[in-house]
């Protein structure tokens, strides 16, 4: 796994409030700027081995809550993931099929990386994303963060204020994350900032999915809305990650949950109707775009933004204007 060593990453980190350098003392960090509010001693604590670079005054994250999760065993959804990990490989593949769209797009991103030792930042990288496994087995060096620490992350941060200097990475992967942030536009702006000129981004974001992660689920995007979100990037490729069959499977799961007031009932219903996913491959792309479970965008950092008139002509679904 070509994860950057934590010691290699630490000198790259900057203050999330003002972008100044950091200094460390007693396992905590602070901004070196005398005018920055984060210059107070202990502004940025360390939780386990992970430095926490969060401006808590401007974040939805609470310091006490972050410090109360010393490792991934206490993180949201951990119990479910542990249960899934115990399933036989064949059952896991049936329950959660490989994301072949992501795998193809990650390979496309990696093939476009130029120069020696490219750096790839994974936003929300506490877990290796479904389909992103090749990223951790190839040549790029991976830097990853999330709101809690795991073996796949080097630091803890809020994506609204990425604690890296501008133009410091060659690519960013943000998979199934933007629905969980309060201000996706600001996060994408941060992604644009930390990318070097011509840097690449790969994003996957839900369109027609039910609420997941409870109180930390805020946003959905159509394909056109997703493109507008990434308007400061040139598009390389875009489209549905999963189509109407997968979207229907989500709906059946949550219908059963609602009727029987049971998450287990939903999971059993999902298992019974898992064959619906296979119908995705039979739906032409224009129809899948209009009824996608999630959308992807692969793009390159641009020097200009897409205009409102240009986004009006972007739509490629089945409901085309005559």
C-alpha atoms as a PDB file:
ATOM      1  CA  UNK A   1       0.000   0.000   0.000  1.00  0.00           C
ATOM      2  CA  UNK A   2       1.780   3.189  -1.160  1.00  0.00           C
ATOM      3  CA  UNK A   3       0.465   5.318   1.670  1.00  0.00           C
ATOM      4  CA  UNK A   4       2.821   8.150   2.489  1.00  0.00           C
ATOM      5  CA  UNK A   5       4.575   7.666   5.794  1.00  0.00           C
ATOM      6  CA  UNK A   6       3.065   9.847   8.523  1.00  0.00           C
ATOM      7  CA  UNK A   7       6.489  11.388   9.143  1.00  0.00           C
ATOM      8  CA  UNK A   8       6.580  12.357   5.462  1.00  0.00           C
ATOM      9  CA  UNK A   9       3.155  14.000   5.642  1.00  0.00           C
ATOM     10  CA  UNK A  10       3.584  16.015   8.845  1.00  0.00           C
ATOM     11  CA  UNK A  11       5.871  18.682   7.283  1.00  0.00           C
ATOM     12  CA  UNK A  12       3.248  19.206   4.544  1.00  0.00           C
ATOM     13  CA  UNK A  13       0.491  20.142   6.992  1.00  0.00           C
ATOM     14  CA  UNK A  14      -0.493  23.782   7.484  1.00  0.00           C
ATOM     15  CA  UNK A  15      -2.928  25.706   9.638  1.00  0.00           C
ATOM     16  CA  UNK A  16      -6.494  25.115   8.373  1.00  0.00           C
ATOM     17  CA  UNK A  17      -7.487  28.671   9.369  1.00  0.00           C
ATOM     18  CA  UNK A  18      -4.747  30.781   7.731  1.00  0.00           C
ATOM     19  CA  UNK A  19      -2.437  28.384   5.888  1.00  0.00           C
ATOM     20  CA  UNK A  20       0.648  29.239   7.967  1.00  0.00           C
ATOM     21  CA  UNK A  21       3.174  26.689   9.164  1.00  0.00           C
ATOM     22  CA  UNK A  22       2.700  24.687  12.358  1.00  0.00           C
ATOM     23  CA  UNK A  23       4.857  24.040  15.379  1.00  0.00           C
ATOM     24  CA  UNK A  24       4.600  21.070  17.717  1.00  0.00           C
ATOM     25  CA  UNK A  25       4.967  20.723  21.471  1.00  0.00           C
ATOM     26  CA  UNK A  26       3.653  18.132  23.941  1.00  0.00           C
ATOM     27  CA  UNK A  27       1.930  16.070  21.199  1.00  0.00           C
ATOM     28  CA  UNK A  28      -0.116  19.058  20.057  1.00  0.00           C
ATOM     29  CA  UNK A  29       0.307  21.641  17.338  1.00  0.00           C
ATOM     30  CA  UNK A  30      -0.427  25.303  16.868  1.00  0.00           C
ATOM     31  CA  UNK A  31      -0.175  27.887  14.114  1.00  0.00           C
ATOM     32  CA  UNK A  32       3.042  29.925  14.048  1.00  0.00           C
ATOM     33  CA  UNK A  33       1.178  33.105  13.056  1.00  0.00           C
ATOM     34  CA  UNK A  34       0.871  35.477  16.014  1.00  0.00           C
ATOM     35  CA  UNK A  35      -2.351  36.923  14.585  1.00  0.00           C
ATOM     36  CA  UNK A  36      -4.117  33.602  13.954  1.00  0.00           C
ATOM     37  CA  UNK A  37      -6.677  32.413  16.546  1.00  0.00           C
ATOM     38  CA  UNK A  38      -5.200  28.918  16.120  1.00  0.00           C
ATOM     39  CA  UNK A  39      -1.867  30.159  17.472  1.00  0.00           C
ATOM     40  CA  UNK A  40      -2.851  29.257  21.029  1.00  0.00           C
ATOM     41  CA  UNK A  41      -0.960  26.347  22.559  1.00  0.00           C
ATOM     42  CA  UNK A  42      -2.670  23.005  21.970  1.00  0.00           C
ATOM     43  CA  UNK A  43      -4.995  24.317  19.249  1.00  0.00           C
ATOM     44  CA  UNK A  44      -4.507  21.121  17.277  1.00  0.00           C
ATOM     45  CA  UNK A  45      -4.436  18.022  19.501  1.00  0.00           C
ATOM     46  CA  UNK A  46      -3.179  14.548  18.692  1.00  0.00           C
ATOM     47  CA  UNK A  47      -5.599  11.620  18.971  1.00  0.00           C
ATOM     48  CA  UNK A  48      -3.737   8.321  19.072  1.00  0.00           C
ATOM     49  CA  UNK A  49      -1.104   8.643  16.343  1.00  0.00           C
ATOM     50  CA  UNK A  50      -3.189  11.075  14.290  1.00  0.00           C
ATOM     51  CA  UNK A  51      -2.664  14.845  14.385  1.00  0.00           C
ATOM     52  CA  UNK A  52      -6.012  16.647  14.377  1.00  0.00           C
ATOM     53  CA  UNK A  53      -5.943  19.676  12.054  1.00  0.00           C
ATOM     54  CA  UNK A  54      -9.460  21.044  12.581  1.00  0.00           C
ATOM     55  CA  UNK A  55     -10.460  24.661  13.167  1.00  0.00           C
ATOM     56  CA  UNK A  56     -13.176  23.700  15.649  1.00  0.00           C
ATOM     57  CA  UNK A  57     -14.522  27.244  15.797  1.00  0.00           C
ATOM     58  CA  UNK A  58     -15.584  26.946  12.145  1.00  0.00           C
ATOM     59  CA  UNK A  59     -16.377  23.236  11.921  1.00  0.00           C
ATOM     60  CA  UNK A  60     -19.385  21.025  12.575  1.00  0.00           C
ATOM     61  CA  UNK A  61     -16.949  18.743  14.367  1.00  0.00           C
ATOM     62  CA  UNK A  62     -16.650  19.078  18.135  1.00  0.00           C
ATOM     63  CA  UNK A  63     -13.274  18.706  19.767  1.00  0.00           C
ATOM     64  CA  UNK A  64     -14.569  16.538  22.613  1.00  0.00           C
ATOM     65  CA  UNK A  65     -16.232  14.161  20.163  1.00  0.00           C
ATOM     66  CA  UNK A  66     -13.132  13.854  17.981  1.00  0.00           C
ATOM     67  CA  UNK A  67     -10.913  13.219  20.997  1.00  0.00           C
ATOM     68  CA  UNK A  68     -13.377  10.589  22.258  1.00  0.00           C
ATOM     69  CA  UNK A  69     -12.776   8.405  19.174  1.00  0.00           C
ATOM     70  CA  UNK A  70      -9.172   7.239  19.618  1.00  0.00           C
ATOM     71  CA  UNK A  71      -9.382   4.674  16.849  1.00  0.00           C
ATOM     72  CA  UNK A  72     -11.635   3.386  14.105  1.00  0.00           C
ATOM     73  CA  UNK A  73     -13.296   0.800  16.363  1.00  0.00           C
ATOM     74  CA  UNK A  74     -15.464   3.584  17.790  1.00  0.00           C
ATOM     75  CA  UNK A  75     -16.185   5.350  14.502  1.00  0.00           C
ATOM     76  CA  UNK A  76     -19.693   5.529  12.948  1.00  0.00           C
ATOM     77  CA  UNK A  77     -20.723   2.354  11.105  1.00  0.00           C
ATOM     78  CA  UNK A  78     -17.847   0.276  12.494  1.00  0.00           C
ATOM     79  CA  UNK A  79     -20.059  -2.508  13.855  1.00  0.00           C
ATOM     80  CA  UNK A  80     -21.749  -2.955  10.472  1.00  0.00           C
ATOM     81  CA  UNK A  81     -18.392  -3.030   8.684  1.00  0.00           C
ATOM     82  CA  UNK A  82     -17.027  -5.629  11.130  1.00  0.00           C
ATOM     83  CA  UNK A  83     -20.031  -7.870  10.475  1.00  0.00           C
ATOM     84  CA  UNK A  84     -19.592  -7.477   6.695  1.00  0.00           C
ATOM     85  CA  UNK A  85     -15.876  -8.259   6.939  1.00  0.00           C
ATOM     86  CA  UNK A  86     -16.661 -11.647   8.555  1.00  0.00           C
ATOM     87  CA  UNK A  87     -18.802 -12.756   5.632  1.00  0.00           C
ATOM     88  CA  UNK A  88     -17.243 -15.225   3.153  1.00  0.00           C
ATOM     89  CA  UNK A  89     -15.653 -13.491   0.160  1.00  0.00           C
ATOM     90  CA  UNK A  90     -18.308 -14.778  -2.242  1.00  0.00           C
ATOM     91  CA  UNK A  91     -21.103 -13.514   0.008  1.00  0.00           C
ATOM     92  CA  UNK A  92     -19.411 -10.115   0.452  1.00  0.00           C
ATOM     93  CA  UNK A  93     -19.121  -9.769  -3.318  1.00  0.00           C
ATOM     94  CA  UNK A  94     -22.801 -10.617  -3.730  1.00  0.00           C
ATOM     95  CA  UNK A  95     -23.852  -8.268  -0.891  1.00  0.00           C
ATOM     96  CA  UNK A  96     -21.624  -5.398  -2.007  1.00  0.00           C
ATOM     97  CA  UNK A  97     -20.536  -5.945  -5.627  1.00  0.00           C
ATOM     98  CA  UNK A  98     -17.250  -4.430  -6.839  1.00  0.00           C
ATOM     99  CA  UNK A  99     -17.628  -0.879  -8.147  1.00  0.00           C
ATOM    100  CA  UNK A 100     -16.389  -1.476 -11.675  1.00  0.00           C
ATOM    101  CA  UNK A 101     -17.128   2.139 -12.696  1.00  0.00           C
ATOM    102  CA  UNK A 102     -14.837   3.469  -9.964  1.00  0.00           C
ATOM    103  CA  UNK A 103     -12.166   0.881 -10.811  1.00  0.00           C
ATOM    104  CA  UNK A 104     -12.193   1.964 -14.447  1.00  0.00           C
ATOM    105  CA  UNK A 105     -12.065   5.652 -13.582  1.00  0.00           C
ATOM    106  CA  UNK A 106      -9.317   5.286 -10.978  1.00  0.00           C
ATOM    107  CA  UNK A 107      -7.238   3.485 -13.589  1.00  0.00           C
ATOM    108  CA  UNK A 108      -7.955   6.332 -16.041  1.00  0.00           C
ATOM    109  CA  UNK A 109      -6.905   8.890 -13.428  1.00  0.00           C
ATOM    110  CA  UNK A 110      -3.689   7.024 -12.656  1.00  0.00           C
ATOM    111  CA  UNK A 111      -2.815   6.698 -16.354  1.00  0.00           C
ATOM    112  CA  UNK A 112      -2.971  10.509 -16.678  1.00  0.00           C
ATOM    113  CA  UNK A 113      -0.684  11.277 -13.750  1.00  0.00           C
ATOM    114  CA  UNK A 114       2.598  12.709 -14.959  1.00  0.00           C
ATOM    115  CA  UNK A 115       5.992  13.228 -13.377  1.00  0.00           C
ATOM    116  CA  UNK A 116       7.894  11.247 -10.756  1.00  0.00           C
ATOM    117  CA  UNK A 117       6.213  10.205  -7.498  1.00  0.00           C
ATOM    118  CA  UNK A 118       2.799  11.840  -8.004  1.00  0.00           C
ATOM    119  CA  UNK A 119       0.820  12.610  -4.851  1.00  0.00           C
ATOM    120  CA  UNK A 120      -2.854  11.629  -4.627  1.00  0.00           C
ATOM    121  CA  UNK A 121      -5.010  13.019  -1.823  1.00  0.00           C
ATOM    122  CA  UNK A 122      -7.990  10.910  -0.716  1.00  0.00           C
ATOM    123  CA  UNK A 123     -10.645  13.022   0.993  1.00  0.00           C
ATOM    124  CA  UNK A 124     -12.654  10.841   3.375  1.00  0.00           C
ATOM    125  CA  UNK A 125     -10.095   8.050   3.165  1.00  0.00           C
ATOM    126  CA  UNK A 126     -10.752   6.224   6.445  1.00  0.00           C
ATOM    127  CA  UNK A 127     -11.705   3.210   4.327  1.00  0.00           C
ATOM    128  CA  UNK A 128     -10.343   2.216   0.934  1.00  0.00           C
ATOM    129  CA  UNK A 129     -13.190   3.045  -1.443  1.00  0.00           C
ATOM    130  CA  UNK A 130     -14.984   0.310  -3.372  1.00  0.00           C
ATOM    131  CA  UNK A 131     -13.203   0.233  -6.731  1.00  0.00           C
ATOM    132  CA  UNK A 132     -10.271   2.386  -5.607  1.00  0.00           C
ATOM    133  CA  UNK A 133      -8.049  -0.509  -4.576  1.00  0.00           C
ATOM    134  CA  UNK A 134      -5.656  -0.054  -7.517  1.00  0.00           C
ATOM    135  CA  UNK A 135      -4.776   3.389  -6.217  1.00  0.00           C
ATOM    136  CA  UNK A 136      -3.154   1.729  -3.198  1.00  0.00           C
ATOM    137  CA  UNK A 137      -1.221  -0.766  -5.285  1.00  0.00           C
ATOM    138  CA  UNK A 138       0.177   1.504  -7.992  1.00  0.00           C
ATOM    139  CA  UNK A 139       2.908   4.107  -8.288  1.00  0.00           C
ATOM    140  CA  UNK A 140       1.217   7.208  -6.787  1.00  0.00           C
ATOM    141  CA  UNK A 141       1.872   8.067  -3.171  1.00  0.00           C
ATOM    142  CA  UNK A 142      -1.416   8.347  -1.288  1.00  0.00           C
ATOM    143  CA  UNK A 143      -2.187  10.946   1.380  1.00  0.00           C
ATOM    144  CA  UNK A 144      -5.533  10.442   3.106  1.00  0.00           C
ATOM    145  CA  UNK A 145      -7.583  12.015   5.873  1.00  0.00           C
ATOM    146  CA  UNK A 146     -11.011  11.688   7.418  1.00  0.00           C
ATOM    147  CA  UNK A 147     -12.838  12.877  10.529  1.00  0.00           C
ATOM    148  CA  UNK A 148     -11.481   9.868  12.438  1.00  0.00           C
ATOM    149  CA  UNK A 149      -8.247   7.944  12.147  1.00  0.00           C
ATOM    150  CA  UNK A 150      -7.598   4.513  10.635  1.00  0.00           C
ATOM    151  CA  UNK A 151      -4.642   2.624   9.202  1.00  0.00           C
ATOM    152  CA  UNK A 152      -5.473   4.290   5.854  1.00  0.00           C
ATOM    153  CA  UNK A 153      -5.187   7.892   7.096  1.00  0.00           C
ATOM    154  CA  UNK A 154      -2.284  10.059   8.222  1.00  0.00           C
ATOM    155  CA  UNK A 155      -4.248  12.885   9.853  1.00  0.00           C
ATOM    156  CA  UNK A 156      -7.740  14.010  10.893  1.00  0.00           C
ATOM    157  CA  UNK A 157      -9.271  17.083   9.264  1.00  0.00           C
ATOM    158  CA  UNK A 158     -12.440  18.801   8.053  1.00  0.00           C
ATOM    159  CA  UNK A 159     -12.673  18.847   4.243  1.00  0.00           C
ATOM    160  CA  UNK A 160     -14.015  22.422   4.342  1.00  0.00           C
ATOM    161  CA  UNK A 161     -10.500  23.495   5.397  1.00  0.00           C
ATOM    162  CA  UNK A 162      -7.932  21.059   4.035  1.00  0.00           C
ATOM    163  CA  UNK A 163      -4.687  21.623   5.969  1.00  0.00           C
ATOM    164  CA  UNK A 164      -2.395  21.426   2.939  1.00  0.00           C
ATOM    165  CA  UNK A 165      -0.718  24.227   1.035  1.00  0.00           C
ATOM    166  CA  UNK A 166      -2.116  25.296  -2.321  1.00  0.00           C
ATOM    167  CA  UNK A 167      -0.848  23.378  -5.339  1.00  0.00           C
ATOM    168  CA  UNK A 168       0.596  20.557  -3.255  1.00  0.00           C
ATOM    169  CA  UNK A 169      -0.982  17.408  -4.779  1.00  0.00           C
ATOM    170  CA  UNK A 170      -1.388  15.961  -8.258  1.00  0.00           C
ATOM    171  CA  UNK A 171      -4.823  14.384  -7.875  1.00  0.00           C
ATOM    172  CA  UNK A 172      -7.739  14.163  -5.447  1.00  0.00           C
ATOM    173  CA  UNK A 173     -10.190  11.299  -4.978  1.00  0.00           C
ATOM    174  CA  UNK A 174     -13.424  12.129  -3.136  1.00  0.00           C
ATOM    175  CA  UNK A 175     -15.694   9.098  -3.218  1.00  0.00           C
ATOM    176  CA  UNK A 176     -19.107   9.094  -1.460  1.00  0.00           C
ATOM    177  CA  UNK A 177     -18.126  12.091   0.682  1.00  0.00           C
ATOM    178  CA  UNK A 178     -19.711  15.272  -0.691  1.00  0.00           C
ATOM    179  CA  UNK A 179     -23.198  14.289   0.470  1.00  0.00           C
ATOM    180  CA  UNK A 180     -21.858  14.329   4.033  1.00  0.00           C
ATOM    181  CA  UNK A 181     -20.427  17.866   4.089  1.00  0.00           C
ATOM    182  CA  UNK A 182     -22.367  21.047   4.851  1.00  0.00           C
ATOM    183  CA  UNK A 183     -20.953  23.071   1.965  1.00  0.00           C
ATOM    184  CA  UNK A 184     -19.927  20.884  -0.999  1.00  0.00           C
ATOM    185  CA  UNK A 185     -19.027  23.958  -3.067  1.00  0.00           C
ATOM    186  CA  UNK A 186     -16.514  25.033  -0.460  1.00  0.00           C
ATOM    187  CA  UNK A 187     -15.014  21.539  -0.292  1.00  0.00           C
ATOM    188  CA  UNK A 188     -14.654  21.420  -4.073  1.00  0.00           C
ATOM    189  CA  UNK A 189     -13.045  24.865  -3.884  1.00  0.00           C
ATOM    190  CA  UNK A 190     -10.536  23.449  -1.409  1.00  0.00           C
ATOM    191  CA  UNK A 191      -9.876  20.528  -3.756  1.00  0.00           C
ATOM    192  CA  UNK A 192      -9.220  23.014  -6.568  1.00  0.00           C
ATOM    193  CA  UNK A 193      -6.870  24.997  -4.310  1.00  0.00           C
ATOM    194  CA  UNK A 194      -4.673  22.090  -3.207  1.00  0.00           C
ATOM    195  CA  UNK A 195      -4.323  20.708  -6.746  1.00  0.00           C
ATOM    196  CA  UNK A 196      -1.361  21.667  -8.868  1.00  0.00           C
ATOM    197  CA  UNK A 197      -2.141  23.274 -12.268  1.00  0.00           C
ATOM    198  CA  UNK A 198      -3.629  20.569 -14.458  1.00  0.00           C
ATOM    199  CA  UNK A 199      -4.272  18.331 -11.432  1.00  0.00           C
ATOM    200  CA  UNK A 200      -6.972  15.675 -11.584  1.00  0.00           C
ATOM    201  CA  UNK A 201     -10.080  14.985  -9.530  1.00  0.00           C
ATOM    202  CA  UNK A 202     -12.314  11.923  -9.322  1.00  0.00           C
ATOM    203  CA  UNK A 203     -15.614  12.229  -7.462  1.00  0.00           C
ATOM    204  CA  UNK A 204     -18.627  10.018  -6.830  1.00  0.00           C
ATOM    205  CA  UNK A 205     -21.736  11.508  -5.235  1.00  0.00           C
ATOM    206  CA  UNK A 206     -25.269  10.139  -4.731  1.00  0.00           C
ATOM    207  CA  UNK A 207     -28.255  11.305  -6.758  1.00  0.00           C
ATOM    208  CA  UNK A 208     -31.206   9.022  -5.854  1.00  0.00           C
ATOM    209  CA  UNK A 209     -30.259   7.421  -2.556  1.00  0.00           C
ATOM    210  CA  UNK A 210     -32.019   7.388   0.781  1.00  0.00           C
ATOM    211  CA  UNK A 211     -30.468   9.059   3.818  1.00  0.00           C
ATOM    212  CA  UNK A 212     -27.430   7.265   5.196  1.00  0.00           C
ATOM    213  CA  UNK A 213     -25.077   8.307   8.023  1.00  0.00           C
ATOM    214  CA  UNK A 214     -28.121   9.774   9.799  1.00  0.00           C
ATOM    215  CA  UNK A 215     -27.623  13.417  10.829  1.00  0.00           C
ATOM    216  CA  UNK A 216     -24.521  13.755   8.643  1.00  0.00           C
ATOM    217  CA  UNK A 217     -26.207  13.412   5.255  1.00  0.00           C
ATOM    218  CA  UNK A 218     -27.093  16.690   3.552  1.00  0.00           C
ATOM    219  CA  UNK A 219     -27.042  16.764  -0.255  1.00  0.00           C
ATOM    220  CA  UNK A 220     -27.820  14.981  -3.539  1.00  0.00           C
ATOM    221  CA  UNK A 221     -26.854  15.871  -7.138  1.00  0.00           C
ATOM    222  CA  UNK A 222     -28.219  15.235 -10.603  1.00  0.00           C
ATOM    223  CA  UNK A 223     -25.582  14.750 -13.302  1.00  0.00           C
ATOM    224  CA  UNK A 224     -25.988  18.396 -14.347  1.00  0.00           C
ATOM    225  CA  UNK A 225     -25.821  19.595 -10.758  1.00  0.00           C
ATOM    226  CA  UNK A 226     -22.682  17.537 -10.217  1.00  0.00           C
ATOM    227  CA  UNK A 227     -21.089  19.081 -13.304  1.00  0.00           C
ATOM    228  CA  UNK A 228     -21.917  22.583 -12.043  1.00  0.00           C
ATOM    229  CA  UNK A 229     -20.380  21.727  -8.688  1.00  0.00           C
ATOM    230  CA  UNK A 230     -17.137  20.962 -10.553  1.00  0.00           C
ATOM    231  CA  UNK A 231     -17.474  23.907 -12.936  1.00  0.00           C
ATOM    232  CA  UNK A 232     -13.870  25.000 -12.286  1.00  0.00           C
ATOM    233  CA  UNK A 233     -12.668  21.729 -13.857  1.00  0.00           C
ATOM    234  CA  UNK A 234     -12.520  20.486 -17.447  1.00  0.00           C
ATOM    235  CA  UNK A 235     -14.490  17.280 -17.832  1.00  0.00           C
ATOM    236  CA  UNK A 236     -12.646  14.143 -18.910  1.00  0.00           C
ATOM    237  CA  UNK A 237     -15.556  11.785 -18.273  1.00  0.00           C
ATOM    238  CA  UNK A 238     -18.802  11.732 -16.308  1.00  0.00           C
ATOM    239  CA  UNK A 239     -21.882   9.579 -15.928  1.00  0.00           C
ATOM    240  CA  UNK A 240     -23.855   7.250 -13.667  1.00  0.00           C
ATOM    241  CA  UNK A 241     -22.069   5.031 -11.162  1.00  0.00           C
ATOM    242  CA  UNK A 242     -25.139   2.862 -10.645  1.00  0.00           C
ATOM    243  CA  UNK A 243     -28.480   3.120 -12.419  1.00  0.00           C
ATOM    244  CA  UNK A 244     -32.218   2.575 -11.904  1.00  0.00           C
ATOM    245  CA  UNK A 245     -31.911  -1.050 -10.771  1.00  0.00           C
ATOM    246  CA  UNK A 246     -29.635  -0.109  -7.896  1.00  0.00           C
ATOM    247  CA  UNK A 247     -31.813   2.885  -7.108  1.00  0.00           C
ATOM    248  CA  UNK A 248     -34.856   0.576  -6.933  1.00  0.00           C
ATOM    249  CA  UNK A 249     -32.961  -1.775  -4.622  1.00  0.00           C
ATOM    250  CA  UNK A 250     -32.283   1.101  -2.206  1.00  0.00           C
ATOM    251  CA  UNK A 251     -35.994   1.991  -2.290  1.00  0.00           C
ATOM    252  CA  UNK A 252     -37.123  -1.576  -1.567  1.00  0.00           C
ATOM    253  CA  UNK A 253     -34.672  -1.761   1.349  1.00  0.00           C
ATOM    254  CA  UNK A 254     -36.029   1.428   2.895  1.00  0.00           C
ATOM    255  CA  UNK A 255     -39.660   0.596   2.155  1.00  0.00           C
ATOM    256  CA  UNK A 256     -39.250  -2.608   4.149  1.00  0.00           C
ATOM    257  CA  UNK A 257     -37.493  -0.697   6.940  1.00  0.00           C
ATOM    258  CA  UNK A 258     -40.353   1.769   7.127  1.00  0.00           C
ATOM    259  CA  UNK A 259     -43.194  -0.750   6.979  1.00  0.00           C
ATOM    260  CA  UNK A 260     -41.677  -3.074   9.571  1.00  0.00           C
ATOM    261  CA  UNK A 261     -39.696  -0.496  11.588  1.00  0.00           C
ATOM    262  CA  UNK A 262     -36.659  -2.715  11.226  1.00  0.00           C
ATOM    263  CA  UNK A 263     -33.222  -2.264   9.689  1.00  0.00           C
ATOM    264  CA  UNK A 264     -32.876  -6.043   9.554  1.00  0.00           C
ATOM    265  CA  UNK A 265     -36.061  -6.270   7.469  1.00  0.00           C
ATOM    266  CA  UNK A 266     -34.558  -3.781   5.041  1.00  0.00           C
ATOM    267  CA  UNK A 267     -31.342  -5.745   4.736  1.00  0.00           C
ATOM    268  CA  UNK A 268     -33.262  -8.985   4.136  1.00  0.00           C
ATOM    269  CA  UNK A 269     -35.375  -7.278   1.463  1.00  0.00           C
ATOM    270  CA  UNK A 270     -32.204  -5.965  -0.171  1.00  0.00           C
ATOM    271  CA  UNK A 271     -30.771  -9.478  -0.199  1.00  0.00           C
ATOM    272  CA  UNK A 272     -33.947 -10.915  -1.755  1.00  0.00           C
ATOM    273  CA  UNK A 273     -33.991  -8.328  -4.547  1.00  0.00           C
ATOM    274  CA  UNK A 274     -30.241  -7.987  -5.103  1.00  0.00           C
ATOM    275  CA  UNK A 275     -30.713  -9.203  -8.684  1.00  0.00           C
ATOM    276  CA  UNK A 276     -32.146  -5.766  -9.525  1.00  0.00           C
ATOM    277  CA  UNK A 277     -28.597  -4.398  -9.761  1.00  0.00           C
ATOM    278  CA  UNK A 278     -28.064  -6.495 -12.880  1.00  0.00           C
ATOM    279  CA  UNK A 279     -30.734  -4.512 -14.698  1.00  0.00           C
ATOM    280  CA  UNK A 280     -28.485  -1.428 -14.633  1.00  0.00           C
ATOM    281  CA  UNK A 281     -26.444  -2.784 -17.522  1.00  0.00           C
ATOM    282  CA  UNK A 282     -29.591  -3.035 -19.690  1.00  0.00           C
ATOM    283  CA  UNK A 283     -30.539   0.640 -19.305  1.00  0.00           C
ATOM    284  CA  UNK A 284     -29.106   3.035 -21.932  1.00  0.00           C
ATOM    285  CA  UNK A 285     -26.915   5.811 -20.510  1.00  0.00           C
ATOM    286  CA  UNK A 286     -29.350   8.715 -21.171  1.00  0.00           C
ATOM    287  CA  UNK A 287     -32.081   6.961 -19.145  1.00  0.00           C
ATOM    288  CA  UNK A 288     -29.610   5.886 -16.440  1.00  0.00           C
ATOM    289  CA  UNK A 289     -28.459   9.493 -16.049  1.00  0.00           C
ATOM    290  CA  UNK A 290     -32.022  10.559 -15.230  1.00  0.00           C
ATOM    291  CA  UNK A 291     -32.492   7.804 -12.636  1.00  0.00           C
ATOM    292  CA  UNK A 292     -28.982   7.137 -11.333  1.00  0.00           C
ATOM    293  CA  UNK A 293     -28.284   6.012  -7.811  1.00  0.00           C
ATOM    294  CA  UNK A 294     -25.020   7.994  -7.966  1.00  0.00           C
ATOM    295  CA  UNK A 295     -22.971  10.028 -10.450  1.00  0.00           C
ATOM    296  CA  UNK A 296     -19.243  10.326 -11.091  1.00  0.00           C
ATOM    297  CA  UNK A 297     -17.037  13.104 -12.418  1.00  0.00           C
ATOM    298  CA  UNK A 298     -13.461  12.774 -13.652  1.00  0.00           C
ATOM    299  CA  UNK A 299     -11.887  16.113 -14.467  1.00  0.00           C
ATOM    300  CA  UNK A 300      -8.827  18.298 -14.695  1.00  0.00           C
ATOM    301  CA  UNK A 301      -8.202  21.553 -12.811  1.00  0.00           C
ATOM    302  CA  UNK A 302      -8.986  24.442 -15.166  1.00  0.00           C
ATOM    303  CA  UNK A 303      -8.209  28.150 -15.248  1.00  0.00           C
ATOM    304  CA  UNK A 304     -11.786  29.108 -16.109  1.00  0.00           C
ATOM    305  CA  UNK A 305     -15.236  28.134 -14.900  1.00  0.00           C
ATOM    306  CA  UNK A 306     -18.129  26.716 -16.842  1.00  0.00           C
ATOM    307  CA  UNK A 307     -20.653  29.479 -17.471  1.00  0.00           C
ATOM    308  CA  UNK A 308     -24.389  29.372 -16.642  1.00  0.00           C
ATOM    309  CA  UNK A 309     -25.201  29.252 -20.354  1.00  0.00           C
ATOM    310  CA  UNK A 310     -22.825  26.350 -20.880  1.00  0.00           C
ATOM    311  CA  UNK A 311     -24.367  24.294 -18.080  1.00  0.00           C
ATOM    312  CA  UNK A 312     -27.762  24.802 -19.687  1.00  0.00           C
ATOM    313  CA  UNK A 313     -26.575  22.834 -22.712  1.00  0.00           C
ATOM    314  CA  UNK A 314     -24.799  20.151 -20.701  1.00  0.00           C
ATOM    315  CA  UNK A 315     -27.761  17.860 -19.986  1.00  0.00           C
ATOM    316  CA  UNK A 316     -27.419  14.487 -21.709  1.00  0.00           C
ATOM    317  CA  UNK A 317     -30.355  12.544 -20.271  1.00  0.00           C
ATOM    318  CA  UNK A 318     -33.377  11.061 -21.992  1.00  0.00           C
ATOM    319  CA  UNK A 319     -35.562  14.154 -21.405  1.00  0.00           C
ATOM    320  CA  UNK A 320     -33.810  16.271 -24.009  1.00  0.00           C
ATOM    321  CA  UNK A 321     -35.403  19.522 -25.072  1.00  0.00           C
ATOM    322  CA  UNK A 322     -36.851  19.351 -28.578  1.00  0.00           C
END
